[in-house]
């Protein structure tokens, strides 16, 4: 979760990403970081 928070802060404050972020309708976005209850490796 700490890594996700740092990454989000970086994206929101990086001037190079401002044009991209301006294209996003913030009201239509929902950010979530649910806990993983079960994980399984894909068959090889």
C-alpha atoms as a PDB file:
ATOM      1  CA  UNK A   1       0.000   0.000   0.000  1.00  0.00           C
ATOM      2  CA  UNK A   2       2.852   2.349   0.749  1.00  0.00           C
ATOM      3  CA  UNK A   3       4.265   1.800  -2.750  1.00  0.00           C
ATOM      4  CA  UNK A   4       0.872   2.488  -4.319  1.00  0.00           C
ATOM      5  CA  UNK A   5       0.532   5.716  -2.353  1.00  0.00           C
ATOM      6  CA  UNK A   6       4.000   6.896  -3.386  1.00  0.00           C
ATOM      7  CA  UNK A   7       3.307   6.040  -7.029  1.00  0.00           C
ATOM      8  CA  UNK A   8       0.000   7.921  -6.981  1.00  0.00           C
ATOM      9  CA  UNK A   9       1.645  10.978  -5.464  1.00  0.00           C
ATOM     10  CA  UNK A  10       4.369  10.869  -8.101  1.00  0.00           C
ATOM     11  CA  UNK A  11       1.838  10.657 -10.933  1.00  0.00           C
ATOM     12  CA  UNK A  12      -0.225  13.520  -9.537  1.00  0.00           C
ATOM     13  CA  UNK A  13       2.766  15.836  -9.121  1.00  0.00           C
ATOM     14  CA  UNK A  14       4.873  15.012 -12.204  1.00  0.00           C
ATOM     15  CA  UNK A  15       4.586  17.989 -14.609  1.00  0.00           C
ATOM     16  CA  UNK A  16       5.227  15.699 -17.588  1.00  0.00           C
ATOM     17  CA  UNK A  17       1.993  13.826 -16.815  1.00  0.00           C
ATOM     18  CA  UNK A  18      -0.194  16.934 -16.454  1.00  0.00           C
ATOM     19  CA  UNK A  19      -1.468  16.827 -20.084  1.00  0.00           C
ATOM     20  CA  UNK A  20      -2.498  13.193 -19.652  1.00  0.00           C
ATOM     21  CA  UNK A  21      -4.183  13.825 -16.297  1.00  0.00           C
ATOM     22  CA  UNK A  22      -6.076  16.783 -17.792  1.00  0.00           C
ATOM     23  CA  UNK A  23      -7.841  14.315 -20.105  1.00  0.00           C
ATOM     24  CA  UNK A  24      -9.262  12.313 -17.201  1.00  0.00           C
ATOM     25  CA  UNK A  25     -12.680  13.175 -15.788  1.00  0.00           C
ATOM     26  CA  UNK A  26     -11.887  12.902 -12.083  1.00  0.00           C
ATOM     27  CA  UNK A  27     -15.549  12.443 -11.173  1.00  0.00           C
ATOM     28  CA  UNK A  28     -15.609   9.229 -13.216  1.00  0.00           C
ATOM     29  CA  UNK A  29     -12.588   7.666 -11.494  1.00  0.00           C
ATOM     30  CA  UNK A  30     -12.620   5.489  -8.415  1.00  0.00           C
ATOM     31  CA  UNK A  31      -9.312   4.288  -6.995  1.00  0.00           C
ATOM     32  CA  UNK A  32      -9.298   1.160  -4.878  1.00  0.00           C
ATOM     33  CA  UNK A  33      -6.659  -1.106  -3.388  1.00  0.00           C
ATOM     34  CA  UNK A  34      -8.538  -4.133  -2.078  1.00  0.00           C
ATOM     35  CA  UNK A  35      -6.759  -6.800  -0.078  1.00  0.00           C
ATOM     36  CA  UNK A  36      -5.894  -9.978  -1.964  1.00  0.00           C
ATOM     37  CA  UNK A  37      -7.709 -12.869  -0.349  1.00  0.00           C
ATOM     38  CA  UNK A  38      -6.465 -15.610  -2.651  1.00  0.00           C
ATOM     39  CA  UNK A  39      -3.606 -15.756  -5.135  1.00  0.00           C
ATOM     40  CA  UNK A  40      -2.632 -18.609  -7.385  1.00  0.00           C
ATOM     41  CA  UNK A  41       0.222 -18.945  -9.851  1.00  0.00           C
ATOM     42  CA  UNK A  42      -0.778 -19.569 -13.449  1.00  0.00           C
ATOM     43  CA  UNK A  43      -0.001 -23.074 -14.720  1.00  0.00           C
ATOM     44  CA  UNK A  44       3.296 -23.304 -16.573  1.00  0.00           C
END
